[in-house]
């Protein structure tokens, strides 16, 4: 059975708020509150791929400490543009 768009948004919201480190909970919940509902299915796929990564790595990418891998670079840039106070 395929999940509905609404169920997918809820699932991604939960994945965003139940991370391994508190900083990522805060960052990703702010991002989802601002952007998740307006993202395209392709954007949601990219965001879900980002959520599959390690929290320490995501934190370094969105804070500008390290460059993200090429497949995740556009989504990391979207997070940084949405939350400019990160870097």
N, C-alpha and C. Protein backbone atom coordinates (compact mmCIF):
# COMPACT_ATOMS: atom_id res chain seq x y z
N UNK A 1 0.85 -1.18 0.00
CA UNK A 1 0.00 0.00 0.00
C UNK A 1 0.90 1.25 0.00
N UNK A 2 0.55 2.20 -0.80
CA UNK A 2 1.30 3.45 -0.91
C UNK A 2 0.77 4.46 0.10
N UNK A 3 1.68 5.17 0.74
CA UNK A 3 1.23 6.17 1.71
C UNK A 3 0.74 7.43 0.99
N UNK A 4 -0.21 8.11 1.61
CA UNK A 4 -0.71 9.36 1.05
C UNK A 4 0.31 10.47 1.28
N UNK A 5 0.13 11.56 0.58
CA UNK A 5 1.01 12.72 0.75
C UNK A 5 0.97 13.22 2.20
N UNK A 6 -0.22 13.26 2.78
CA UNK A 6 -0.37 13.73 4.17
C UNK A 6 0.36 12.82 5.14
N UNK A 7 0.25 11.51 4.94
CA UNK A 7 0.95 10.56 5.81
C UNK A 7 2.46 10.72 5.66
N UNK A 8 2.91 10.92 4.44
CA UNK A 8 4.34 11.12 4.22
C UNK A 8 4.85 12.36 4.94
N UNK A 9 4.10 13.45 4.86
CA UNK A 9 4.50 14.67 5.57
C UNK A 9 4.57 14.43 7.07
N UNK A 10 3.61 13.72 7.62
CA UNK A 10 3.63 13.41 9.05
C UNK A 10 4.82 12.54 9.42
N UNK A 11 5.10 11.54 8.59
CA UNK A 11 6.23 10.65 8.86
C UNK A 11 7.54 11.42 8.81
N UNK A 12 7.71 12.28 7.82
CA UNK A 12 8.95 13.06 7.72
C UNK A 12 9.06 14.07 8.85
N UNK A 13 7.94 14.61 9.29
CA UNK A 13 7.96 15.52 10.44
C UNK A 13 8.45 14.77 11.68
N UNK A 14 7.93 13.57 11.89
CA UNK A 14 8.36 12.79 13.05
C UNK A 14 9.85 12.43 12.96
N UNK A 15 10.30 12.06 11.77
CA UNK A 15 11.72 11.75 11.60
C UNK A 15 12.60 12.97 11.84
N UNK A 16 12.07 14.15 11.57
CA UNK A 16 12.82 15.39 11.75
C UNK A 16 12.94 15.76 13.22
N UNK A 17 11.98 15.37 14.02
CA UNK A 17 11.99 15.79 15.42
C UNK A 17 12.54 14.73 16.36
N UNK A 18 12.77 13.56 15.89
CA UNK A 18 13.30 12.49 16.73
C UNK A 18 14.66 12.04 16.21
N UNK A 19 15.61 12.96 16.31
CA UNK A 19 16.94 12.73 15.80
C UNK A 19 17.85 12.24 16.92
N UNK A 20 19.12 12.04 16.61
CA UNK A 20 20.06 11.56 17.60
C UNK A 20 20.62 12.67 18.49
N UNK A 21 20.67 13.89 17.96
CA UNK A 21 21.18 15.00 18.76
C UNK A 21 20.17 16.14 18.75
N UNK A 22 20.08 16.81 19.87
CA UNK A 22 19.07 17.86 20.06
C UNK A 22 19.19 18.99 19.04
N UNK A 23 20.41 19.35 18.68
CA UNK A 23 20.61 20.42 17.72
C UNK A 23 19.90 20.12 16.40
N UNK A 24 19.98 18.85 15.97
CA UNK A 24 19.32 18.48 14.72
C UNK A 24 17.81 18.46 14.88
N UNK A 25 17.31 18.08 16.06
CA UNK A 25 15.87 18.17 16.31
C UNK A 25 15.40 19.61 16.07
N UNK A 26 16.10 20.55 16.64
CA UNK A 26 15.72 21.96 16.55
C UNK A 26 15.83 22.46 15.11
N UNK A 27 16.95 22.20 14.48
CA UNK A 27 17.17 22.68 13.11
C UNK A 27 16.15 22.09 12.15
N UNK A 28 15.98 20.79 12.18
CA UNK A 28 15.09 20.15 11.22
C UNK A 28 13.63 20.43 11.50
N UNK A 29 13.26 20.62 12.74
CA UNK A 29 11.87 20.98 13.03
C UNK A 29 11.57 22.40 12.55
N UNK A 30 12.52 23.30 12.70
CA UNK A 30 12.34 24.65 12.16
C UNK A 30 12.18 24.59 10.64
N UNK A 31 13.03 23.80 10.00
CA UNK A 31 12.96 23.66 8.55
C UNK A 31 11.62 23.07 8.11
N UNK A 32 11.19 22.00 8.76
CA UNK A 32 9.93 21.36 8.35
C UNK A 32 8.75 22.30 8.56
N UNK A 33 8.77 23.07 9.63
CA UNK A 33 7.67 24.01 9.89
C UNK A 33 7.56 25.05 8.78
N UNK A 34 8.70 25.44 8.22
CA UNK A 34 8.71 26.48 7.20
C UNK A 34 8.52 25.96 5.78
N UNK A 35 8.99 24.74 5.49
CA UNK A 35 9.07 24.32 4.10
C UNK A 35 8.38 23.01 3.73
N UNK A 36 8.22 22.10 4.66
CA UNK A 36 7.80 20.75 4.30
C UNK A 36 6.49 20.72 3.51
N UNK A 37 5.51 21.47 3.94
CA UNK A 37 4.18 21.42 3.31
C UNK A 37 4.18 21.89 1.86
N UNK A 38 5.17 22.69 1.47
CA UNK A 38 5.19 23.22 0.10
C UNK A 38 6.19 22.50 -0.81
N UNK A 39 6.84 21.48 -0.30
CA UNK A 39 7.85 20.78 -1.09
C UNK A 39 7.21 19.84 -2.11
N UNK A 40 7.85 19.72 -3.26
CA UNK A 40 7.40 18.80 -4.31
C UNK A 40 7.75 17.36 -3.90
N UNK A 41 7.16 16.37 -4.56
CA UNK A 41 7.55 14.99 -4.28
C UNK A 41 9.06 14.76 -4.46
N UNK A 42 9.66 15.37 -5.47
CA UNK A 42 11.11 15.22 -5.67
C UNK A 42 11.89 15.86 -4.51
N UNK A 43 11.43 17.02 -4.04
CA UNK A 43 12.06 17.66 -2.88
C UNK A 43 11.94 16.77 -1.65
N UNK A 44 10.77 16.16 -1.48
CA UNK A 44 10.57 15.27 -0.33
C UNK A 44 11.49 14.06 -0.42
N UNK A 45 11.70 13.55 -1.62
CA UNK A 45 12.65 12.44 -1.79
C UNK A 45 14.05 12.87 -1.36
N UNK A 46 14.45 14.06 -1.77
CA UNK A 46 15.78 14.57 -1.42
C UNK A 46 15.89 14.80 0.09
N UNK A 47 14.83 15.32 0.69
CA UNK A 47 14.84 15.55 2.13
C UNK A 47 14.90 14.22 2.88
N UNK A 48 14.16 13.24 2.39
CA UNK A 48 14.18 11.93 3.03
C UNK A 48 15.58 11.31 2.94
N UNK A 49 16.26 11.49 1.81
CA UNK A 49 17.63 11.00 1.67
C UNK A 49 18.55 11.69 2.69
N UNK A 50 18.34 12.98 2.91
CA UNK A 50 19.12 13.70 3.91
C UNK A 50 18.87 13.12 5.30
N UNK A 51 17.62 12.83 5.60
CA UNK A 51 17.28 12.28 6.92
C UNK A 51 17.89 10.91 7.16
N UNK A 52 18.26 10.21 6.10
CA UNK A 52 18.89 8.90 6.24
C UNK A 52 20.35 9.00 6.69
N UNK A 53 20.90 10.20 6.67
CA UNK A 53 22.31 10.40 7.03
C UNK A 53 22.49 10.57 8.53
N UNK A 54 23.72 10.46 8.96
CA UNK A 54 24.11 10.61 10.36
C UNK A 54 23.94 12.06 10.80
N UNK A 55 23.41 12.26 12.00
CA UNK A 55 23.16 13.61 12.51
C UNK A 55 24.41 14.48 12.58
N UNK A 56 25.52 13.91 13.01
CA UNK A 56 26.75 14.70 13.10
C UNK A 56 27.17 15.20 11.72
N UNK A 57 27.01 14.36 10.72
CA UNK A 57 27.35 14.78 9.35
C UNK A 57 26.40 15.88 8.87
N UNK A 58 25.10 15.68 9.07
CA UNK A 58 24.12 16.68 8.64
C UNK A 58 24.42 18.01 9.32
N UNK A 59 24.71 17.98 10.60
CA UNK A 59 25.00 19.22 11.32
C UNK A 59 26.20 19.95 10.71
N UNK A 60 27.25 19.21 10.41
CA UNK A 60 28.43 19.84 9.81
C UNK A 60 28.13 20.41 8.42
N UNK A 61 27.27 19.74 7.68
CA UNK A 61 26.92 20.24 6.34
C UNK A 61 26.06 21.49 6.42
N UNK A 62 25.01 21.46 7.25
CA UNK A 62 24.11 22.63 7.28
C UNK A 62 24.74 23.82 8.00
N UNK A 63 25.70 23.57 8.86
CA UNK A 63 26.37 24.68 9.54
C UNK A 63 27.56 25.21 8.75
N UNK A 64 27.88 24.56 7.62
CA UNK A 64 28.96 25.02 6.78
C UNK A 64 30.33 24.57 7.20
N UNK A 65 30.43 23.66 8.15
CA UNK A 65 31.72 23.16 8.61
C UNK A 65 32.37 22.24 7.59
N UNK A 66 31.55 21.50 6.86
CA UNK A 66 32.04 20.59 5.82
C UNK A 66 31.11 20.67 4.62
N UNK A 67 31.64 20.33 3.46
CA UNK A 67 30.82 20.27 2.25
C UNK A 67 30.03 18.97 2.23
N UNK A 68 28.77 19.04 1.84
CA UNK A 68 27.97 17.81 1.75
C UNK A 68 28.34 17.02 0.50
N UNK A 69 28.02 15.74 0.49
CA UNK A 69 28.22 14.97 -0.74
C UNK A 69 27.34 15.54 -1.84
N UNK A 70 27.78 15.42 -3.07
CA UNK A 70 27.07 16.01 -4.22
C UNK A 70 25.58 15.67 -4.28
N UNK A 71 25.18 14.40 -4.04
CA UNK A 71 23.74 14.10 -4.15
C UNK A 71 22.87 14.83 -3.12
N UNK A 72 23.47 15.28 -2.03
CA UNK A 72 22.72 15.96 -0.97
C UNK A 72 22.92 17.47 -0.96
N UNK A 73 23.80 17.97 -1.81
CA UNK A 73 24.18 19.38 -1.77
C UNK A 73 23.01 20.33 -1.97
N UNK A 74 22.12 20.03 -2.90
CA UNK A 74 20.99 20.93 -3.16
C UNK A 74 20.05 21.00 -1.95
N UNK A 75 19.78 19.87 -1.31
CA UNK A 75 18.88 19.90 -0.16
C UNK A 75 19.55 20.59 1.03
N UNK A 76 20.83 20.36 1.23
CA UNK A 76 21.55 21.06 2.30
C UNK A 76 21.50 22.56 2.04
N UNK A 77 21.67 22.97 0.80
CA UNK A 77 21.59 24.40 0.46
C UNK A 77 20.20 24.94 0.75
N UNK A 78 19.17 24.17 0.47
CA UNK A 78 17.80 24.60 0.76
C UNK A 78 17.60 24.79 2.26
N UNK A 79 18.12 23.89 3.06
CA UNK A 79 18.02 24.03 4.52
C UNK A 79 18.75 25.29 4.96
N UNK A 80 19.95 25.50 4.45
CA UNK A 80 20.74 26.69 4.83
C UNK A 80 20.06 27.98 4.39
N UNK A 81 19.46 27.99 3.20
CA UNK A 81 18.76 29.19 2.71
C UNK A 81 17.52 29.47 3.54
N UNK A 82 16.85 28.42 3.97
CA UNK A 82 15.65 28.56 4.78
C UNK A 82 15.97 29.05 6.18
N UNK A 83 17.12 28.62 6.69
CA UNK A 83 17.55 28.98 8.05
C UNK A 83 18.91 29.66 7.98
N UNK A 84 18.97 30.90 7.51
CA UNK A 84 20.26 31.57 7.27
C UNK A 84 21.09 31.79 8.53
N UNK A 85 20.51 31.68 9.70
CA UNK A 85 21.25 31.89 10.93
C UNK A 85 22.13 30.69 11.31
N UNK A 86 22.13 29.63 10.50
CA UNK A 86 22.91 28.45 10.81
C UNK A 86 24.40 28.64 10.55
N UNK A 87 24.74 29.37 9.53
CA UNK A 87 26.13 29.46 9.14
C UNK A 87 26.61 30.82 9.26
